[in-house]
N, C-alpha and C. Protein backbone atom coordinates (compact mmCIF):
# COMPACT_ATOMS: atom_id res chain seq x y z
N MET A 1 0.85 -1.18 0.00
CA MET A 1 0.00 0.00 0.00
C MET A 1 0.89 1.24 0.00
N THR A 2 0.65 2.13 -0.94
CA THR A 2 1.41 3.36 -1.03
C THR A 2 0.52 4.53 -0.65
N ILE A 3 1.02 5.36 0.23
CA ILE A 3 0.30 6.57 0.62
C ILE A 3 1.09 7.75 0.11
N THR A 4 0.48 8.56 -0.72
CA THR A 4 1.13 9.76 -1.23
C THR A 4 0.49 10.95 -0.56
N LEU A 5 1.32 11.73 0.12
CA LEU A 5 0.82 12.92 0.81
C LEU A 5 1.04 14.13 -0.08
N PRO A 6 0.06 15.02 -0.15
CA PRO A 6 0.28 16.24 -0.93
C PRO A 6 1.33 17.11 -0.24
N LEU A 7 2.04 17.88 -1.03
CA LEU A 7 3.01 18.80 -0.46
C LEU A 7 2.26 19.95 0.18
N THR A 8 2.54 20.19 1.45
CA THR A 8 1.98 21.35 2.14
C THR A 8 3.14 22.21 2.56
N SER A 9 2.97 23.49 2.50
CA SER A 9 4.10 24.40 2.61
C SER A 9 4.06 25.29 3.83
N VAL A 10 5.24 25.54 4.37
CA VAL A 10 5.46 26.61 5.33
C VAL A 10 6.58 27.43 4.71
N GLU A 11 6.26 28.56 4.13
CA GLU A 11 7.28 29.38 3.48
C GLU A 11 7.73 30.46 4.44
N CYS A 12 9.02 30.64 4.55
CA CYS A 12 9.59 31.66 5.41
C CYS A 12 10.13 32.76 4.51
N THR A 13 9.71 33.98 4.73
CA THR A 13 10.07 35.06 3.80
C THR A 13 10.79 36.22 4.48
N ASP A 14 11.49 35.94 5.53
CA ASP A 14 12.26 36.99 6.20
C ASP A 14 13.65 37.10 5.58
N THR A 15 14.27 38.25 5.77
CA THR A 15 15.67 38.43 5.41
C THR A 15 16.44 38.56 6.71
N PHE A 16 17.59 37.92 6.78
CA PHE A 16 18.37 38.04 8.00
C PHE A 16 19.84 38.19 7.65
N THR A 17 20.63 38.63 8.62
CA THR A 17 22.05 38.84 8.42
C THR A 17 22.82 37.68 9.03
N LEU A 18 23.71 37.11 8.25
CA LEU A 18 24.54 36.01 8.74
C LEU A 18 25.69 36.57 9.57
N SER A 19 26.31 35.72 10.34
CA SER A 19 27.37 36.16 11.24
C SER A 19 28.56 36.78 10.49
N ASN A 20 28.76 36.44 9.23
CA ASN A 20 29.87 37.01 8.47
C ASN A 20 29.48 38.32 7.79
N GLY A 21 28.26 38.83 8.06
CA GLY A 21 27.83 40.10 7.52
C GLY A 21 27.07 40.00 6.21
N ASP A 22 27.09 38.83 5.54
CA ASP A 22 26.35 38.66 4.30
C ASP A 22 24.86 38.52 4.62
N THR A 23 24.03 38.85 3.67
CA THR A 23 22.60 38.65 3.88
C THR A 23 22.10 37.58 2.92
N MET A 24 21.08 36.88 3.38
CA MET A 24 20.44 35.89 2.53
C MET A 24 18.95 36.04 2.70
N ASN A 25 18.24 35.99 1.60
CA ASN A 25 16.80 36.10 1.65
C ASN A 25 16.22 34.71 1.86
N VAL A 26 15.62 34.47 3.00
CA VAL A 26 15.15 33.15 3.36
C VAL A 26 13.93 32.73 2.56
N GLU A 27 13.36 33.64 1.75
CA GLU A 27 12.22 33.23 0.93
C GLU A 27 12.62 32.14 -0.05
N ASN A 28 13.90 31.94 -0.25
CA ASN A 28 14.39 30.90 -1.14
C ASN A 28 14.44 29.52 -0.49
N ILE A 29 14.12 29.45 0.79
CA ILE A 29 14.09 28.18 1.50
C ILE A 29 12.65 27.88 1.88
N GLU A 30 12.16 26.71 1.44
CA GLU A 30 10.80 26.29 1.77
C GLU A 30 10.86 25.01 2.59
N ILE A 31 10.05 24.96 3.62
CA ILE A 31 9.92 23.77 4.45
C ILE A 31 8.56 23.16 4.13
N LEU A 32 8.57 21.93 3.62
CA LEU A 32 7.35 21.28 3.15
C LEU A 32 7.17 19.91 3.78
N GLN A 33 5.95 19.46 3.85
CA GLN A 33 5.64 18.11 4.30
C GLN A 33 4.98 17.38 3.15
N GLY A 34 5.47 16.19 2.85
CA GLY A 34 4.87 15.41 1.78
C GLY A 34 5.83 14.43 1.14
N ASP A 35 5.57 14.12 -0.10
CA ASP A 35 6.31 13.12 -0.86
C ASP A 35 7.32 13.84 -1.76
N ILE A 36 8.60 13.68 -1.50
CA ILE A 36 9.64 14.38 -2.25
C ILE A 36 9.60 14.03 -3.74
N THR A 37 9.10 12.85 -4.08
CA THR A 37 9.04 12.47 -5.49
C THR A 37 8.03 13.31 -6.26
N GLU A 38 7.18 14.04 -5.57
CA GLU A 38 6.20 14.92 -6.20
C GLU A 38 6.69 16.37 -6.31
N SER A 39 7.90 16.64 -5.88
CA SER A 39 8.44 18.00 -5.91
C SER A 39 8.54 18.50 -7.35
N ASP A 40 8.27 19.79 -7.52
CA ASP A 40 8.39 20.42 -8.84
C ASP A 40 9.76 21.05 -9.05
N CYS A 41 10.71 20.76 -8.19
CA CYS A 41 12.07 21.30 -8.33
C CYS A 41 12.80 20.66 -9.52
N ASP A 42 13.85 21.33 -9.97
CA ASP A 42 14.67 20.80 -11.07
C ASP A 42 15.36 19.50 -10.68
N ALA A 43 15.73 19.37 -9.41
CA ALA A 43 16.37 18.16 -8.92
C ALA A 43 15.84 17.82 -7.54
N ILE A 44 15.78 16.53 -7.26
CA ILE A 44 15.51 16.09 -5.90
C ILE A 44 16.75 15.34 -5.42
N VAL A 45 16.97 15.38 -4.13
CA VAL A 45 18.14 14.74 -3.54
C VAL A 45 17.72 13.41 -2.91
N ASN A 46 18.51 12.40 -3.19
CA ASN A 46 18.34 11.08 -2.61
C ASN A 46 19.32 10.95 -1.44
N ALA A 47 18.82 10.58 -0.28
CA ALA A 47 19.67 10.30 0.88
C ALA A 47 20.29 8.92 0.64
N ALA A 48 21.52 8.91 0.16
CA ALA A 48 22.14 7.70 -0.36
C ALA A 48 23.24 7.15 0.54
N ASN A 49 23.60 5.88 0.29
CA ASN A 49 24.83 5.32 0.83
C ASN A 49 25.91 5.51 -0.23
N ASN A 50 27.15 5.30 0.13
CA ASN A 50 28.24 5.62 -0.80
C ASN A 50 28.37 4.65 -1.98
N HIS A 51 27.68 3.51 -1.95
CA HIS A 51 27.68 2.61 -3.10
C HIS A 51 26.51 2.93 -4.03
N LEU A 52 25.63 3.83 -3.58
CA LEU A 52 24.53 4.37 -4.38
C LEU A 52 23.45 3.34 -4.71
N TRP A 53 23.41 2.24 -3.95
CA TRP A 53 22.32 1.28 -4.09
C TRP A 53 21.08 1.91 -3.48
N MET A 54 19.95 1.72 -4.10
CA MET A 54 18.71 2.34 -3.64
C MET A 54 17.81 1.27 -3.02
N GLY A 55 17.71 1.28 -1.68
CA GLY A 55 16.93 0.29 -0.97
C GLY A 55 15.61 0.83 -0.48
N ALA A 56 15.56 1.15 0.79
CA ALA A 56 14.31 1.59 1.42
C ALA A 56 14.31 3.10 1.61
N GLY A 57 13.30 3.59 2.31
CA GLY A 57 13.21 5.00 2.65
C GLY A 57 13.07 5.89 1.43
N VAL A 58 13.73 7.05 1.46
CA VAL A 58 13.66 8.01 0.36
C VAL A 58 14.16 7.36 -0.94
N ALA A 59 15.27 6.65 -0.85
CA ALA A 59 15.83 6.00 -2.05
C ALA A 59 14.83 5.03 -2.67
N GLY A 60 14.20 4.23 -1.83
CA GLY A 60 13.21 3.27 -2.34
C GLY A 60 12.03 3.95 -3.00
N ALA A 61 11.56 5.05 -2.41
CA ALA A 61 10.44 5.79 -2.99
C ALA A 61 10.82 6.41 -4.34
N ILE A 62 12.04 6.96 -4.42
CA ILE A 62 12.51 7.55 -5.68
C ILE A 62 12.62 6.48 -6.77
N LYS A 63 13.20 5.35 -6.42
CA LYS A 63 13.38 4.26 -7.39
C LYS A 63 12.02 3.71 -7.83
N LYS A 64 11.11 3.54 -6.89
CA LYS A 64 9.80 2.97 -7.22
C LYS A 64 9.04 3.90 -8.18
N LYS A 65 9.08 5.17 -7.92
CA LYS A 65 8.31 6.12 -8.72
C LYS A 65 9.05 6.53 -10.00
N GLY A 66 10.37 6.65 -9.94
CA GLY A 66 11.13 7.13 -11.09
C GLY A 66 11.67 6.04 -12.00
N GLY A 67 11.77 4.82 -11.48
CA GLY A 67 12.23 3.70 -12.29
C GLY A 67 13.64 3.23 -11.97
N GLN A 68 13.90 2.00 -12.36
CA GLN A 68 15.18 1.32 -12.13
C GLN A 68 16.35 2.07 -12.78
N VAL A 69 16.09 2.81 -13.84
CA VAL A 69 17.15 3.53 -14.55
C VAL A 69 17.91 4.46 -13.61
N ILE A 70 17.24 5.01 -12.62
CA ILE A 70 17.91 5.93 -11.69
C ILE A 70 18.98 5.20 -10.90
N GLU A 71 18.64 4.04 -10.35
CA GLU A 71 19.63 3.27 -9.60
C GLU A 71 20.73 2.76 -10.52
N ASP A 72 20.39 2.32 -11.72
CA ASP A 72 21.40 1.82 -12.66
C ASP A 72 22.44 2.90 -12.96
N GLU A 73 21.97 4.13 -13.24
CA GLU A 73 22.89 5.23 -13.51
C GLU A 73 23.73 5.57 -12.28
N ALA A 74 23.11 5.55 -11.12
CA ALA A 74 23.82 5.89 -9.88
C ALA A 74 24.92 4.87 -9.59
N VAL A 75 24.57 3.61 -9.61
CA VAL A 75 25.54 2.55 -9.30
C VAL A 75 26.72 2.59 -10.27
N ALA A 76 26.45 2.93 -11.53
CA ALA A 76 27.53 3.04 -12.52
C ALA A 76 28.51 4.16 -12.18
N LYS A 77 28.07 5.14 -11.39
CA LYS A 77 28.94 6.26 -11.00
C LYS A 77 29.60 6.03 -9.65
N GLY A 78 29.28 4.93 -8.98
CA GLY A 78 29.81 4.67 -7.66
C GLY A 78 30.85 3.58 -7.66
N PRO A 79 31.38 3.25 -6.49
CA PRO A 79 31.10 3.94 -5.24
C PRO A 79 31.80 5.30 -5.17
N ILE A 80 31.29 6.13 -4.27
CA ILE A 80 31.88 7.44 -4.02
C ILE A 80 32.21 7.52 -2.53
N GLU A 81 32.96 8.51 -2.15
CA GLU A 81 33.29 8.69 -0.73
C GLU A 81 32.06 9.21 0.02
N PRO A 82 31.83 8.75 1.24
CA PRO A 82 30.76 9.34 2.04
C PRO A 82 30.99 10.86 2.15
N GLY A 83 29.90 11.62 2.00
CA GLY A 83 29.98 13.07 2.01
C GLY A 83 29.97 13.67 0.62
N GLN A 84 30.19 12.84 -0.40
CA GLN A 84 30.16 13.31 -1.78
C GLN A 84 28.77 13.09 -2.38
N ALA A 85 28.57 13.54 -3.62
CA ALA A 85 27.30 13.38 -4.30
C ALA A 85 27.54 13.24 -5.80
N VAL A 86 26.58 12.62 -6.49
CA VAL A 86 26.58 12.51 -7.95
C VAL A 86 25.17 12.74 -8.44
N ALA A 87 25.04 13.13 -9.71
CA ALA A 87 23.73 13.36 -10.31
C ALA A 87 23.44 12.31 -11.37
N THR A 88 22.16 11.96 -11.48
CA THR A 88 21.69 11.07 -12.54
C THR A 88 20.43 11.69 -13.13
N SER A 89 19.92 11.06 -14.17
CA SER A 89 18.62 11.47 -14.69
C SER A 89 17.58 11.14 -13.62
N ALA A 90 16.37 11.59 -13.83
CA ALA A 90 15.31 11.36 -12.85
C ALA A 90 14.26 10.36 -13.34
N GLY A 91 14.58 9.63 -14.38
CA GLY A 91 13.63 8.64 -14.88
C GLY A 91 12.28 9.28 -15.18
N SER A 92 11.23 8.73 -14.62
CA SER A 92 9.88 9.25 -14.89
C SER A 92 9.38 10.22 -13.82
N LEU A 93 10.27 10.74 -12.98
CA LEU A 93 9.88 11.74 -11.98
C LEU A 93 9.63 13.09 -12.64
N LYS A 94 8.98 14.00 -11.92
CA LYS A 94 8.77 15.36 -12.40
C LYS A 94 10.09 16.12 -12.52
N ALA A 95 11.01 15.87 -11.62
CA ALA A 95 12.32 16.52 -11.62
C ALA A 95 13.12 16.08 -12.85
N SER A 96 14.13 16.86 -13.19
CA SER A 96 15.01 16.50 -14.30
C SER A 96 16.20 15.65 -13.84
N TYR A 97 16.59 15.83 -12.58
CA TYR A 97 17.75 15.12 -12.03
C TYR A 97 17.45 14.57 -10.64
N VAL A 98 18.19 13.52 -10.29
CA VAL A 98 18.28 13.07 -8.91
C VAL A 98 19.74 13.24 -8.51
N ILE A 99 19.95 13.93 -7.41
CA ILE A 99 21.30 14.09 -6.87
C ILE A 99 21.42 13.14 -5.69
N HIS A 100 22.36 12.21 -5.78
CA HIS A 100 22.53 11.17 -4.77
C HIS A 100 23.59 11.64 -3.78
N ALA A 101 23.16 12.01 -2.58
CA ALA A 101 24.03 12.54 -1.53
C ALA A 101 24.41 11.40 -0.59
N ALA A 102 25.68 11.03 -0.61
CA ALA A 102 26.14 9.92 0.23
C ALA A 102 26.34 10.40 1.67
N GLY A 103 25.26 10.41 2.40
CA GLY A 103 25.29 10.83 3.80
C GLY A 103 25.75 9.74 4.74
N MET A 104 26.07 8.58 4.19
CA MET A 104 26.55 7.46 5.01
C MET A 104 27.29 6.48 4.12
N GLY A 105 28.10 5.65 4.76
CA GLY A 105 28.80 4.58 4.06
C GLY A 105 27.98 3.30 4.12
N GLN A 106 28.60 2.19 3.78
CA GLN A 106 27.92 0.90 3.82
C GLN A 106 27.59 0.45 5.23
N ASP A 107 28.22 1.07 6.22
CA ASP A 107 27.90 0.73 7.61
C ASP A 107 26.58 1.37 8.04
N LEU A 108 25.99 2.21 7.17
CA LEU A 108 24.71 2.89 7.41
C LEU A 108 24.76 3.81 8.63
N LYS A 109 25.95 4.32 8.93
CA LYS A 109 26.11 5.27 10.02
C LYS A 109 26.47 6.63 9.44
N THR A 110 25.96 7.67 10.07
CA THR A 110 26.24 9.02 9.61
C THR A 110 26.66 9.88 10.79
N ASP A 111 27.10 11.08 10.49
CA ASP A 111 27.44 12.04 11.54
C ASP A 111 27.26 13.44 10.97
N SER A 112 27.49 14.43 11.79
CA SER A 112 27.25 15.82 11.38
C SER A 112 28.14 16.22 10.20
N ARG A 113 29.38 15.76 10.17
CA ARG A 113 30.28 16.09 9.07
C ARG A 113 29.76 15.55 7.75
N LEU A 114 29.33 14.29 7.73
CA LEU A 114 28.84 13.69 6.49
C LEU A 114 27.55 14.34 6.00
N ILE A 115 26.69 14.72 6.93
CA ILE A 115 25.44 15.39 6.53
C ILE A 115 25.76 16.75 5.93
N ARG A 116 26.63 17.51 6.57
CA ARG A 116 26.98 18.83 6.04
C ARG A 116 27.69 18.70 4.68
N GLU A 117 28.66 17.80 4.58
CA GLU A 117 29.40 17.64 3.32
C GLU A 117 28.50 17.17 2.19
N SER A 118 27.60 16.23 2.46
CA SER A 118 26.73 15.73 1.39
C SER A 118 25.69 16.78 0.98
N THR A 119 25.27 17.62 1.92
CA THR A 119 24.37 18.72 1.59
C THR A 119 25.09 19.73 0.70
N SER A 120 26.28 20.12 1.09
CA SER A 120 27.08 21.08 0.30
C SER A 120 27.43 20.51 -1.07
N ALA A 121 27.80 19.24 -1.13
CA ALA A 121 28.13 18.60 -2.40
C ALA A 121 26.92 18.59 -3.33
N SER A 122 25.75 18.36 -2.79
CA SER A 122 24.52 18.36 -3.59
C SER A 122 24.22 19.75 -4.14
N LEU A 123 24.39 20.77 -3.31
CA LEU A 123 24.19 22.15 -3.76
C LEU A 123 25.20 22.52 -4.84
N ASN A 124 26.43 22.08 -4.68
CA ASN A 124 27.46 22.34 -5.70
C ASN A 124 27.10 21.71 -7.03
N ILE A 125 26.60 20.48 -7.00
CA ILE A 125 26.19 19.81 -8.24
C ILE A 125 25.02 20.53 -8.88
N ALA A 126 24.03 20.92 -8.09
CA ALA A 126 22.87 21.64 -8.63
C ALA A 126 23.32 22.95 -9.28
N ASP A 127 24.23 23.65 -8.65
CA ASP A 127 24.76 24.90 -9.22
C ASP A 127 25.55 24.62 -10.50
N ALA A 128 26.37 23.58 -10.50
CA ALA A 128 27.15 23.24 -11.68
C ALA A 128 26.26 22.87 -12.87
N LEU A 129 25.10 22.30 -12.57
CA LEU A 129 24.14 21.95 -13.63
C LEU A 129 23.25 23.14 -14.01
N ASP A 130 23.49 24.28 -13.37
CA ASP A 130 22.74 25.52 -13.63
C ASP A 130 21.25 25.36 -13.30
N LEU A 131 20.97 24.62 -12.25
CA LEU A 131 19.58 24.39 -11.84
C LEU A 131 19.08 25.56 -11.02
N LYS A 132 17.80 25.80 -11.06
CA LYS A 132 17.18 26.90 -10.31
C LYS A 132 16.60 26.44 -8.98
N SER A 133 16.32 25.13 -8.85
CA SER A 133 15.68 24.66 -7.62
C SER A 133 16.09 23.23 -7.31
N VAL A 134 16.14 22.93 -6.01
CA VAL A 134 16.51 21.59 -5.55
C VAL A 134 15.73 21.28 -4.28
N ALA A 135 15.31 20.01 -4.15
CA ALA A 135 14.55 19.56 -2.97
C ALA A 135 15.35 18.51 -2.22
N PHE A 136 15.44 18.69 -0.91
CA PHE A 136 16.17 17.77 -0.03
C PHE A 136 15.23 17.04 0.91
N PRO A 137 15.56 15.77 1.23
CA PRO A 137 14.96 15.11 2.38
C PRO A 137 15.82 15.43 3.61
N ALA A 138 15.46 14.90 4.75
CA ALA A 138 16.28 15.04 5.96
C ALA A 138 17.34 13.93 5.92
N ILE A 139 18.50 14.25 5.39
CA ILE A 139 19.56 13.26 5.18
C ILE A 139 20.01 12.65 6.51
N GLY A 140 20.05 11.33 6.54
CA GLY A 140 20.58 10.60 7.69
C GLY A 140 19.61 10.32 8.82
N THR A 141 18.37 10.80 8.70
CA THR A 141 17.42 10.63 9.82
C THR A 141 16.62 9.35 9.73
N GLY A 142 16.67 8.66 8.61
CA GLY A 142 15.96 7.39 8.46
C GLY A 142 16.82 6.26 8.98
N VAL A 143 17.38 5.50 8.05
CA VAL A 143 18.24 4.37 8.38
C VAL A 143 19.43 4.81 9.23
N GLY A 144 19.94 6.01 8.98
CA GLY A 144 21.11 6.52 9.71
C GLY A 144 20.83 6.85 11.16
N GLY A 145 19.54 7.05 11.51
CA GLY A 145 19.15 7.28 12.90
C GLY A 145 19.57 8.61 13.48
N PHE A 146 19.92 9.59 12.65
CA PHE A 146 20.37 10.89 13.15
C PHE A 146 19.17 11.70 13.64
N GLU A 147 19.36 12.45 14.69
CA GLU A 147 18.30 13.27 15.28
C GLU A 147 17.83 14.34 14.30
N VAL A 148 16.51 14.47 14.11
CA VAL A 148 15.94 15.40 13.14
C VAL A 148 16.35 16.84 13.43
N SER A 149 16.31 17.26 14.68
CA SER A 149 16.65 18.66 14.99
C SER A 149 18.11 18.97 14.67
N ASP A 150 19.00 18.03 14.94
CA ASP A 150 20.42 18.23 14.61
C ASP A 150 20.62 18.25 13.09
N CYS A 151 19.93 17.36 12.41
CA CYS A 151 19.99 17.32 10.95
C CYS A 151 19.51 18.65 10.37
N ALA A 152 18.39 19.15 10.88
CA ALA A 152 17.83 20.42 10.39
C ALA A 152 18.84 21.55 10.54
N ARG A 153 19.45 21.64 11.70
CA ARG A 153 20.42 22.71 11.95
C ARG A 153 21.61 22.61 10.98
N ILE A 154 22.10 21.42 10.77
CA ILE A 154 23.25 21.21 9.89
C ILE A 154 22.89 21.52 8.43
N MET A 155 21.79 20.96 7.95
CA MET A 155 21.42 21.13 6.54
C MET A 155 21.01 22.57 6.24
N LEU A 156 20.24 23.17 7.13
CA LEU A 156 19.82 24.56 6.91
C LEU A 156 21.02 25.51 6.97
N SER A 157 21.92 25.27 7.90
CA SER A 157 23.14 26.10 7.99
C SER A 157 23.98 25.97 6.73
N ALA A 158 24.14 24.74 6.24
CA ALA A 158 24.92 24.52 5.02
C ALA A 158 24.28 25.23 3.83
N THR A 159 22.97 25.23 3.79
CA THR A 159 22.25 25.90 2.70
C THR A 159 22.38 27.41 2.79
N ILE A 160 22.24 27.94 3.99
CA ILE A 160 22.38 29.38 4.20
C ILE A 160 23.80 29.84 3.88
N ASP A 161 24.79 29.03 4.22
CA ASP A 161 26.19 29.37 3.99
C ASP A 161 26.61 29.22 2.53
N PHE A 162 25.81 28.53 1.73
CA PHE A 162 26.18 28.24 0.34
C PHE A 162 26.05 29.48 -0.53
N ASN A 163 27.08 29.74 -1.31
CA ASN A 163 27.09 30.89 -2.22
C ASN A 163 26.59 30.44 -3.59
N ALA A 164 25.27 30.45 -3.77
CA ALA A 164 24.66 29.94 -5.00
C ALA A 164 24.88 30.87 -6.18
N LYS A 165 25.09 30.27 -7.33
CA LYS A 165 25.21 31.02 -8.58
C LYS A 165 23.91 30.94 -9.38
N SER A 166 23.28 29.77 -9.41
CA SER A 166 22.06 29.59 -10.19
C SER A 166 20.84 29.24 -9.34
N ILE A 167 21.05 28.62 -8.20
CA ILE A 167 19.94 28.13 -7.39
C ILE A 167 19.15 29.30 -6.80
N LEU A 168 17.85 29.28 -7.05
CA LEU A 168 16.96 30.31 -6.53
C LEU A 168 16.07 29.80 -5.40
N LYS A 169 15.84 28.47 -5.37
CA LYS A 169 14.93 27.92 -4.37
C LYS A 169 15.47 26.58 -3.88
N VAL A 170 15.45 26.41 -2.56
CA VAL A 170 15.78 25.12 -1.94
C VAL A 170 14.60 24.71 -1.09
N GLN A 171 14.10 23.51 -1.35
CA GLN A 171 13.01 22.95 -0.55
C GLN A 171 13.58 21.87 0.36
N PHE A 172 13.02 21.81 1.56
CA PHE A 172 13.26 20.67 2.45
C PHE A 172 11.92 19.98 2.57
N VAL A 173 11.81 18.80 1.95
CA VAL A 173 10.55 18.06 1.90
C VAL A 173 10.62 16.92 2.90
N LEU A 174 9.86 17.08 3.98
CA LEU A 174 9.88 16.13 5.08
C LEU A 174 8.66 15.22 5.01
N PHE A 175 8.85 13.97 5.37
CA PHE A 175 7.79 12.98 5.25
C PHE A 175 6.63 13.23 6.20
N ASP A 176 6.93 13.67 7.42
CA ASP A 176 5.84 13.84 8.39
C ASP A 176 5.78 15.27 8.93
N ASN A 177 4.66 15.60 9.51
CA ASN A 177 4.41 16.95 10.01
C ASN A 177 5.35 17.30 11.16
N GLU A 178 5.69 16.33 11.98
CA GLU A 178 6.60 16.59 13.11
C GLU A 178 7.97 17.06 12.61
N SER A 179 8.51 16.37 11.62
CA SER A 179 9.80 16.77 11.06
C SER A 179 9.71 18.13 10.39
N LYS A 180 8.60 18.38 9.69
CA LYS A 180 8.40 19.70 9.07
C LYS A 180 8.42 20.78 10.13
N SER A 181 7.75 20.55 11.25
CA SER A 181 7.71 21.53 12.34
C SER A 181 9.10 21.77 12.91
N VAL A 182 9.88 20.71 13.05
CA VAL A 182 11.25 20.85 13.57
C VAL A 182 12.09 21.70 12.62
N PHE A 183 12.04 21.40 11.32
CA PHE A 183 12.82 22.18 10.36
C PHE A 183 12.37 23.64 10.35
N ALA A 184 11.06 23.90 10.43
CA ALA A 184 10.56 25.28 10.44
C ALA A 184 11.04 26.02 11.69
N ARG A 185 11.02 25.33 12.83
CA ARG A 185 11.49 25.95 14.08
C ARG A 185 12.97 26.27 14.01
N VAL A 186 13.77 25.35 13.50
CA VAL A 186 15.21 25.57 13.41
C VAL A 186 15.52 26.70 12.43
N LEU A 187 14.79 26.77 11.32
CA LEU A 187 15.01 27.87 10.39
C LEU A 187 14.73 29.20 11.06
N THR A 188 13.68 29.28 11.83
CA THR A 188 13.36 30.50 12.56
C THR A 188 14.47 30.84 13.57
N GLU A 189 14.99 29.83 14.25
CA GLU A 189 16.07 30.05 15.23
C GLU A 189 17.34 30.55 14.56
N LEU A 190 17.60 30.12 13.34
CA LEU A 190 18.81 30.53 12.64
C LEU A 190 18.76 31.99 12.20
N GLN A 191 17.59 32.58 12.27
CA GLN A 191 17.46 33.99 11.95
C GLN A 191 18.00 34.79 13.09
């Protein structure tokens, strides 16, 4: 049985000053609850292992909806180092690309460094592909068992710190309302 939740949005539209004096308009960050495979972004991010095999969780949902071709392309580009990312086509998904962020190795363990590095690597790939929008899941919080609030702080900070050239919108698409609320709270705190 598959349950597809509609994307519901909490958009934050404040501008704030970062500690280094730069400003970032937070309207470019959206916190959503729903099915990431339904995102209208140019790319969606897969919370991957470093061998890029697509099993359960976000990876399984992407593969099921987008097709086996996504995993075939990913595995052909792997393995990669944990913390790195690669892009593939998106098969039959709405997005044009899937960016596979290796937030963990084959041991299925993650940490703050790997989450930050894989988030930054994914943003770098999206920028290199000249994409305007990218959607992220909460990397490492499923199989990796990482705390959602810590993940939110790391991923949102990495996104805020990123000097985008082409990216205009970053979505964080969370599976449940509780995770969405945590990400929205952390984004507010980072202001």
